[in-house]
Amino acid sequence: MSIRHGLLALLEPGPRYGSQLRTEFESRTGATWPLNVGQVYTTLGRLERDGMVVQDGEDEAGHALYVITDAGREELRNWFRSPVDRRSPPRDELAIKLAMAVGAPGIDIREVIQSQRHHTVQAMQDYTRLKAQATDVSPENRDDVAWLLVLEQLIFQTEAEARWLDHCEARLVRLSLMAAEKEKKQRRDEKEGGAPSPGEKPARASRAGLGRSKRR
């Protein structure tokens, strides 16, 4: 989530102060990505350095107000127009964990998958329940609509994660069966040693046949 662009979007309608931006950001996203005031002011400082916001006076309570500049509006428009780049996806902790668990000594990767699946299904149920509550009444404002969109994205994401975990487990089962079959074949070959290949008649049987032919 781009905090930088999120704050620019919240400043676009008018001046805001730091803790107000934090509250509105969390309200718009349903507190899915909580911010602390330090993050907000650090980001505002960088935006001010880059000429995208300026401080413009104070409110009645003495809070410093920030205002978006023309450069900030242009940056915001470019952000909205540009698709999110998936060529460099963010690091996914679950994918990294499973990748590291493969072949790790003493780790049962199927147990790791089962534990994660339980957590993922529980999260999906929680999100679904929140969506049911959110749709009991029609959304009344843009914050309600925004939260509903975020919530539905989380539901789709957890559904996809559950399917991926099922896929991972099925692949591991197939690989385990293939490895067991390969090992079984190797043991069988070692046991048979120099046994004749299929279709080849043992030398003793051949000589016996020739003996019978001579006696006739």
C-alpha atoms as a PDB file:
ATOM      1  CA  MET A   1       0.000   0.000   0.000  1.00  0.00           C
ATOM      2  CA  SER A   2       1.418   3.391  -0.986  1.00  0.00           C
ATOM      3  CA  ILE A   3       1.052   5.563   2.104  1.00  0.00           C
ATOM      4  CA  ARG A   4       2.529   8.420   0.101  1.00  0.00           C
ATOM      5  CA  HIS A   5      -0.210   8.360  -2.518  1.00  0.00           C
ATOM      6  CA  GLY A   6      -2.908   7.561   0.010  1.00  0.00           C
ATOM      7  CA  LEU A   7      -2.111  10.749   1.922  1.00  0.00           C
ATOM      8  CA  LEU A   8      -2.080  12.786  -1.306  1.00  0.00           C
ATOM      9  CA  ALA A   9      -5.545  11.417  -2.122  1.00  0.00           C
ATOM     10  CA  LEU A  10      -6.829  12.442   1.309  1.00  0.00           C
ATOM     11  CA  LEU A  11      -5.318  15.922   0.960  1.00  0.00           C
ATOM     12  CA  GLU A  12      -6.818  16.494  -2.478  1.00  0.00           C
ATOM     13  CA  PRO A  13     -10.238  17.657  -1.149  1.00  0.00           C
ATOM     14  CA  GLY A  14      -8.660  20.161   1.236  1.00  0.00           C
ATOM     15  CA  PRO A  15      -6.176  20.875   4.075  1.00  0.00           C
ATOM     16  CA  ARG A  16      -5.610  18.225   6.769  1.00  0.00           C
ATOM     17  CA  TYR A  17      -3.325  17.805   9.779  1.00  0.00           C
ATOM     18  CA  GLY A  18      -1.339  14.662  10.611  1.00  0.00           C
ATOM     19  CA  SER A  19      -3.549  12.809  13.081  1.00  0.00           C
ATOM     20  CA  GLN A  20      -6.606  13.708  10.977  1.00  0.00           C
ATOM     21  CA  LEU A  21      -4.980  12.082   7.950  1.00  0.00           C
ATOM     22  CA  ARG A  22      -4.204   8.980  10.021  1.00  0.00           C
ATOM     23  CA  THR A  23      -7.834   8.724  11.176  1.00  0.00           C
ATOM     24  CA  GLU A  24      -9.228   9.206   7.668  1.00  0.00           C
ATOM     25  CA  PHE A  25      -6.765   6.733   6.152  1.00  0.00           C
ATOM     26  CA  GLU A  26      -7.805   4.010   8.609  1.00  0.00           C
ATOM     27  CA  SER A  27     -11.478   4.862   8.189  1.00  0.00           C
ATOM     28  CA  ARG A  28     -11.224   4.595   4.399  1.00  0.00           C
ATOM     29  CA  THR A  29      -9.439   1.214   4.570  1.00  0.00           C
ATOM     30  CA  GLY A  30     -11.296  -0.222   7.570  1.00  0.00           C
ATOM     31  CA  ALA A  31      -8.078  -0.140   9.647  1.00  0.00           C
ATOM     32  CA  THR A  32      -6.759  -2.979   7.485  1.00  0.00           C
ATOM     33  CA  TRP A  33      -3.401  -1.187   7.230  1.00  0.00           C
ATOM     34  CA  PRO A  34      -3.066   0.728  10.507  1.00  0.00           C
ATOM     35  CA  LEU A  35      -0.745   3.730  10.568  1.00  0.00           C
ATOM     36  CA  ASN A  36       0.940   5.447  13.440  1.00  0.00           C
ATOM     37  CA  VAL A  37       1.246   9.203  13.588  1.00  0.00           C
ATOM     38  CA  GLY A  38       5.008   8.935  13.179  1.00  0.00           C
ATOM     39  CA  GLN A  39       4.594   7.260   9.781  1.00  0.00           C
ATOM     40  CA  VAL A  40       2.174   9.962   8.690  1.00  0.00           C
ATOM     41  CA  TYR A  41       4.441  12.859   9.632  1.00  0.00           C
ATOM     42  CA  THR A  42       7.524  11.146   8.179  1.00  0.00           C
ATOM     43  CA  THR A  43       5.684  10.704   4.874  1.00  0.00           C
ATOM     44  CA  LEU A  44       4.388  14.278   4.959  1.00  0.00           C
ATOM     45  CA  GLY A  45       7.944  15.486   5.499  1.00  0.00           C
ATOM     46  CA  ARG A  46       9.104  13.623   2.391  1.00  0.00           C
ATOM     47  CA  LEU A  47       6.172  14.905   0.356  1.00  0.00           C
ATOM     48  CA  GLU A  48       6.987  18.447   1.479  1.00  0.00           C
ATOM     49  CA  ARG A  49      10.642  17.935   0.533  1.00  0.00           C
ATOM     50  CA  ASP A  50       9.532  16.757  -2.935  1.00  0.00           C
ATOM     51  CA  GLY A  51       7.290  19.798  -3.399  1.00  0.00           C
ATOM     52  CA  MET A  52       4.022  17.828  -3.377  1.00  0.00           C
ATOM     53  CA  VAL A  53       2.595  19.313  -0.172  1.00  0.00           C
ATOM     54  CA  VAL A  54       3.187  22.492   1.808  1.00  0.00           C
ATOM     55  CA  GLN A  55       2.297  23.574   5.313  1.00  0.00           C
ATOM     56  CA  ASP A  56      -0.340  26.258   5.255  1.00  0.00           C
ATOM     57  CA  GLY A  57      -1.149  27.685   8.659  1.00  0.00           C
ATOM     58  CA  GLU A  58      -2.849  26.030  11.605  1.00  0.00           C
ATOM     59  CA  ASP A  59      -6.353  25.147  12.665  1.00  0.00           C
ATOM     60  CA  GLU A  60      -8.030  26.538  15.773  1.00  0.00           C
ATOM     61  CA  ALA A  61      -6.424  23.856  17.935  1.00  0.00           C
ATOM     62  CA  GLY A  62      -2.936  24.727  16.710  1.00  0.00           C
ATOM     63  CA  HIS A  63      -2.494  21.721  14.391  1.00  0.00           C
ATOM     64  CA  ALA A  64      -0.217  22.362  11.399  1.00  0.00           C
ATOM     65  CA  LEU A  65      -2.261  22.032   8.215  1.00  0.00           C
ATOM     66  CA  TYR A  66      -0.922  20.469   5.025  1.00  0.00           C
ATOM     67  CA  VAL A  67      -2.106  21.334   1.518  1.00  0.00           C
ATOM     68  CA  ILE A  68      -1.489  19.453  -1.719  1.00  0.00           C
ATOM     69  CA  THR A  69       0.359  21.339  -4.463  1.00  0.00           C
ATOM     70  CA  ASP A  70      -0.088  21.211  -8.232  1.00  0.00           C
ATOM     71  CA  ALA A  71       2.890  18.839  -8.397  1.00  0.00           C
ATOM     72  CA  GLY A  72       1.178  16.646  -5.813  1.00  0.00           C
ATOM     73  CA  ARG A  73      -2.044  16.590  -7.822  1.00  0.00           C
ATOM     74  CA  GLU A  74      -0.141  15.584 -10.950  1.00  0.00           C
ATOM     75  CA  GLU A  75       1.604  12.797  -9.017  1.00  0.00           C
ATOM     76  CA  LEU A  76      -1.771  11.614  -7.716  1.00  0.00           C
ATOM     77  CA  ARG A  77      -3.347  11.618 -11.192  1.00  0.00           C
ATOM     78  CA  ASN A  78      -0.422   9.608 -12.564  1.00  0.00           C
ATOM     79  CA  TRP A  79      -0.821   7.090  -9.723  1.00  0.00           C
ATOM     80  CA  PHE A  80      -4.522   6.610 -10.453  1.00  0.00           C
ATOM     81  CA  ARG A  81      -3.886   6.267 -14.179  1.00  0.00           C
ATOM     82  CA  SER A  82      -1.026   3.759 -13.853  1.00  0.00           C
ATOM     83  CA  PRO A  83      -1.692   0.047 -13.192  1.00  0.00           C
ATOM     84  CA  VAL A  84      -0.050  -1.555 -10.175  1.00  0.00           C
ATOM     85  CA  ASP A  85       3.193  -3.135 -11.413  1.00  0.00           C
ATOM     86  CA  ARG A  86       3.138  -6.920 -10.887  1.00  0.00           C
ATOM     87  CA  ARG A  87       6.538  -7.537 -12.475  1.00  0.00           C
ATOM     88  CA  SER A  88       8.159  -7.028  -9.083  1.00  0.00           C
ATOM     89  CA  PRO A  89       5.594  -8.517  -6.690  1.00  0.00           C
ATOM     90  CA  PRO A  90       5.976  -7.813  -2.979  1.00  0.00           C
ATOM     91  CA  ARG A  91       7.641 -10.518  -0.907  1.00  0.00           C
ATOM     92  CA  ASP A  92       5.043 -12.951   0.388  1.00  0.00           C
ATOM     93  CA  GLU A  93       6.008 -14.397   3.763  1.00  0.00           C
ATOM     94  CA  LEU A  94       3.921 -17.541   3.285  1.00  0.00           C
ATOM     95  CA  ALA A  95       5.484 -18.353  -0.101  1.00  0.00           C
ATOM     96  CA  ILE A  96       8.958 -17.796   1.349  1.00  0.00           C
ATOM     97  CA  LYS A  97       8.145 -19.989   4.365  1.00  0.00           C
ATOM     98  CA  LEU A  98       6.977 -22.911   2.230  1.00  0.00           C
ATOM     99  CA  ALA A  99       9.934 -22.532  -0.140  1.00  0.00           C
ATOM    100  CA  MET A 100      12.323 -22.709   2.837  1.00  0.00           C
ATOM    101  CA  ALA A 101      10.414 -25.608   4.422  1.00  0.00           C
ATOM    102  CA  VAL A 102      10.968 -27.822   1.373  1.00  0.00           C
ATOM    103  CA  GLY A 103      13.807 -30.106   2.347  1.00  0.00           C
ATOM    104  CA  ALA A 104      14.439 -28.391   5.691  1.00  0.00           C
ATOM    105  CA  PRO A 105      15.616 -31.051   8.177  1.00  0.00           C
ATOM    106  CA  GLY A 106      13.068 -31.960  10.832  1.00  0.00           C
ATOM    107  CA  ILE A 107      10.270 -29.917   9.236  1.00  0.00           C
ATOM    108  CA  ASP A 108       7.024 -31.545   8.129  1.00  0.00           C
ATOM    109  CA  ILE A 109       5.924 -29.223   5.343  1.00  0.00           C
ATOM    110  CA  ARG A 110       2.437 -30.743   5.244  1.00  0.00           C
ATOM    111  CA  GLU A 111       2.033 -29.802   8.889  1.00  0.00           C
ATOM    112  CA  VAL A 112       3.084 -26.239   8.018  1.00  0.00           C
ATOM    113  CA  ILE A 113       0.480 -26.170   5.234  1.00  0.00           C
ATOM    114  CA  GLN A 114      -2.286 -27.540   7.447  1.00  0.00           C
ATOM    115  CA  SER A 115      -1.542 -24.989  10.166  1.00  0.00           C
ATOM    116  CA  GLN A 116      -1.656 -22.131   7.646  1.00  0.00           C
ATOM    117  CA  ARG A 117      -4.825 -23.460   6.031  1.00  0.00           C
ATOM    118  CA  HIS A 118      -6.602 -23.438   9.397  1.00  0.00           C
ATOM    119  CA  HIS A 119      -5.588 -19.805   9.931  1.00  0.00           C
ATOM    120  CA  THR A 120      -6.524 -18.795   6.363  1.00  0.00           C
ATOM    121  CA  VAL A 121      -9.978 -20.383   6.541  1.00  0.00           C
ATOM    122  CA  GLN A 122     -10.600 -18.686   9.892  1.00  0.00           C
ATOM    123  CA  ALA A 123      -9.608 -15.311   8.437  1.00  0.00           C
ATOM    124  CA  MET A 124     -11.870 -15.892   5.424  1.00  0.00           C
ATOM    125  CA  GLN A 125     -14.791 -16.643   7.732  1.00  0.00           C
ATOM    126  CA  ASP A 126     -14.098 -13.492   9.739  1.00  0.00           C
ATOM    127  CA  TYR A 127     -13.969 -11.351   6.594  1.00  0.00           C
ATOM    128  CA  THR A 128     -17.166 -12.927   5.283  1.00  0.00           C
ATOM    129  CA  ARG A 129     -18.931 -12.174   8.550  1.00  0.00           C
ATOM    130  CA  LEU A 130     -17.763  -8.555   8.425  1.00  0.00           C
ATOM    131  CA  LYS A 131     -19.020  -8.275   4.849  1.00  0.00           C
ATOM    132  CA  ALA A 132     -22.430  -9.614   5.886  1.00  0.00           C
ATOM    133  CA  GLN A 133     -22.594  -6.950   8.587  1.00  0.00           C
ATOM    134  CA  ALA A 134     -21.458  -4.249   6.178  1.00  0.00           C
ATOM    135  CA  THR A 135     -24.097  -5.151   3.591  1.00  0.00           C
ATOM    136  CA  ASP A 136     -27.001  -5.379   6.052  1.00  0.00           C
ATOM    137  CA  VAL A 137     -27.590  -1.732   5.195  1.00  0.00           C
ATOM    138  CA  SER A 138     -26.672   0.210   2.087  1.00  0.00           C
ATOM    139  CA  PRO A 139     -23.330   2.033   2.313  1.00  0.00           C
ATOM    140  CA  GLU A 140     -24.007   5.591   3.405  1.00  0.00           C
ATOM    141  CA  ASN A 141     -20.789   7.343   2.433  1.00  0.00           C
ATOM    142  CA  ARG A 142     -17.593   6.877   0.459  1.00  0.00           C
ATOM    143  CA  ASP A 143     -15.740   5.513   3.492  1.00  0.00           C
ATOM    144  CA  ASP A 144     -18.316   2.707   3.780  1.00  0.00           C
ATOM    145  CA  VAL A 145     -17.971   1.908   0.064  1.00  0.00           C
ATOM    146  CA  ALA A 146     -14.181   1.983   0.259  1.00  0.00           C
ATOM    147  CA  TRP A 147     -14.153  -0.380   3.267  1.00  0.00           C
ATOM    148  CA  LEU A 148     -16.491  -2.790   1.470  1.00  0.00           C
ATOM    149  CA  LEU A 149     -14.175  -2.894  -1.570  1.00  0.00           C
ATOM    150  CA  VAL A 150     -11.144  -3.549   0.640  1.00  0.00           C
ATOM    151  CA  LEU A 151     -13.037  -6.236   2.541  1.00  0.00           C
ATOM    152  CA  GLU A 152     -14.057  -8.033  -0.646  1.00  0.00           C
ATOM    153  CA  GLN A 153     -10.454  -7.931  -1.870  1.00  0.00           C
ATOM    154  CA  LEU A 154      -9.371  -9.603   1.371  1.00  0.00           C
ATOM    155  CA  ILE A 155     -12.010 -12.303   0.900  1.00  0.00           C
ATOM    156  CA  PHE A 156     -10.856 -13.021  -2.664  1.00  0.00           C
ATOM    157  CA  GLN A 157      -7.244 -13.045  -1.491  1.00  0.00           C
ATOM    158  CA  THR A 158      -7.851 -15.568   1.295  1.00  0.00           C
ATOM    159  CA  GLU A 159      -9.940 -17.770  -1.019  1.00  0.00           C
ATOM    160  CA  ALA A 160      -7.061 -17.815  -3.515  1.00  0.00           C
ATOM    161  CA  GLU A 161      -4.588 -18.574  -0.723  1.00  0.00           C
ATOM    162  CA  ALA A 162      -6.674 -21.530   0.462  1.00  0.00           C
ATOM    163  CA  ARG A 163      -6.773 -22.938  -3.091  1.00  0.00           C
ATOM    164  CA  TRP A 164      -3.020 -22.458  -3.438  1.00  0.00           C
ATOM    165  CA  LEU A 165      -2.398 -24.339  -0.185  1.00  0.00           C
ATOM    166  CA  ASP A 166      -4.553 -27.218  -1.452  1.00  0.00           C
ATOM    167  CA  HIS A 167      -2.509 -27.212  -4.661  1.00  0.00           C
ATOM    168  CA  CYS A 168       0.778 -27.249  -2.712  1.00  0.00           C
ATOM    169  CA  GLU A 169      -0.328 -30.218  -0.621  1.00  0.00           C
ATOM    170  CA  ALA A 170      -1.513 -32.158  -3.689  1.00  0.00           C
ATOM    171  CA  ARG A 171       1.803 -31.516  -5.442  1.00  0.00           C
ATOM    172  CA  LEU A 172       3.755 -32.723  -2.413  1.00  0.00           C
ATOM    173  CA  VAL A 173       1.685 -35.906  -2.279  1.00  0.00           C
ATOM    174  CA  ARG A 174       2.388 -36.591  -5.976  1.00  0.00           C
ATOM    175  CA  LEU A 175       6.101 -35.952  -5.536  1.00  0.00           C
ATOM    176  CA  SER A 176       6.190 -38.213  -2.484  1.00  0.00           C
ATOM    177  CA  LEU A 177       4.497 -41.044  -4.394  1.00  0.00           C
ATOM    178  CA  MET A 178       6.873 -40.627  -7.332  1.00  0.00           C
ATOM    179  CA  ALA A 179       9.901 -40.683  -5.011  1.00  0.00           C
ATOM    180  CA  ALA A 180       8.602 -43.812  -3.247  1.00  0.00           C
ATOM    181  CA  GLU A 181       8.022 -45.567  -6.580  1.00  0.00           C
ATOM    182  CA  LYS A 182      11.506 -44.630  -7.793  1.00  0.00           C
ATOM    183  CA  GLU A 183      13.080 -45.936  -4.595  1.00  0.00           C
ATOM    184  CA  LYS A 184      11.078 -49.151  -4.824  1.00  0.00           C
ATOM    185  CA  LYS A 185      12.244 -49.665  -8.407  1.00  0.00           C
ATOM    186  CA  GLN A 186      15.870 -49.087  -7.441  1.00  0.00           C
ATOM    187  CA  ARG A 187      15.655 -51.654  -4.635  1.00  0.00           C
ATOM    188  CA  ARG A 188      14.039 -54.161  -7.008  1.00  0.00           C
ATOM    189  CA  ASP A 189      16.776 -53.635  -9.594  1.00  0.00           C
ATOM    190  CA  GLU A 190      19.502 -54.026  -6.983  1.00  0.00           C
ATOM    191  CA  LYS A 191      17.907 -57.233  -5.698  1.00  0.00           C
ATOM    192  CA  GLU A 192      17.613 -58.757  -9.151  1.00  0.00           C
ATOM    193  CA  GLY A 193      21.220 -57.861  -9.917  1.00  0.00           C
ATOM    194  CA  GLY A 194      22.303 -59.447 -13.226  1.00  0.00           C
ATOM    195  CA  ALA A 195      19.033 -61.265 -13.896  1.00  0.00           C
ATOM    196  CA  PRO A 196      18.246 -61.738 -17.611  1.00  0.00           C
ATOM    197  CA  SER A 197      16.121 -59.112 -19.210  1.00  0.00           C
ATOM    198  CA  PRO A 198      12.503 -59.971 -20.115  1.00  0.00           C
ATOM    199  CA  GLY A 199      12.248 -62.287 -23.176  1.00  0.00           C
ATOM    200  CA  GLU A 200      15.783 -63.637 -22.803  1.00  0.00           C
ATOM    201  CA  LYS A 201      15.919 -67.461 -22.232  1.00  0.00           C
ATOM    202  CA  PRO A 202      18.265 -68.691 -19.516  1.00  0.00           C
ATOM    203  CA  ALA A 203      21.340 -70.531 -20.877  1.00  0.00           C
ATOM    204  CA  ARG A 204      20.506 -73.744 -18.905  1.00  0.00           C
ATOM    205  CA  ALA A 205      17.074 -74.025 -20.463  1.00  0.00           C
ATOM    206  CA  SER A 206      18.582 -73.580 -23.916  1.00  0.00           C
ATOM    207  CA  ARG A 207      21.141 -76.372 -23.396  1.00  0.00           C
ATOM    208  CA  ALA A 208      18.461 -78.703 -22.064  1.00  0.00           C
ATOM    209  CA  GLY A 209      16.417 -78.120 -25.157  1.00  0.00           C
ATOM    210  CA  LEU A 210      19.342 -78.942 -27.394  1.00  0.00           C
ATOM    211  CA  GLY A 211      19.903 -82.195 -25.442  1.00  0.00           C
ATOM    212  CA  ARG A 212      16.356 -83.282 -25.973  1.00  0.00           C
ATOM    213  CA  SER A 213      16.667 -82.554 -29.669  1.00  0.00           C
ATOM    214  CA  LYS A 214      19.741 -84.817 -29.959  1.00  0.00           C
ATOM    215  CA  ARG A 215      18.025 -87.712 -28.161  1.00  0.00           C
ATOM    216  CA  ARG A 216      15.273 -87.649 -30.735  1.00  0.00           C
END
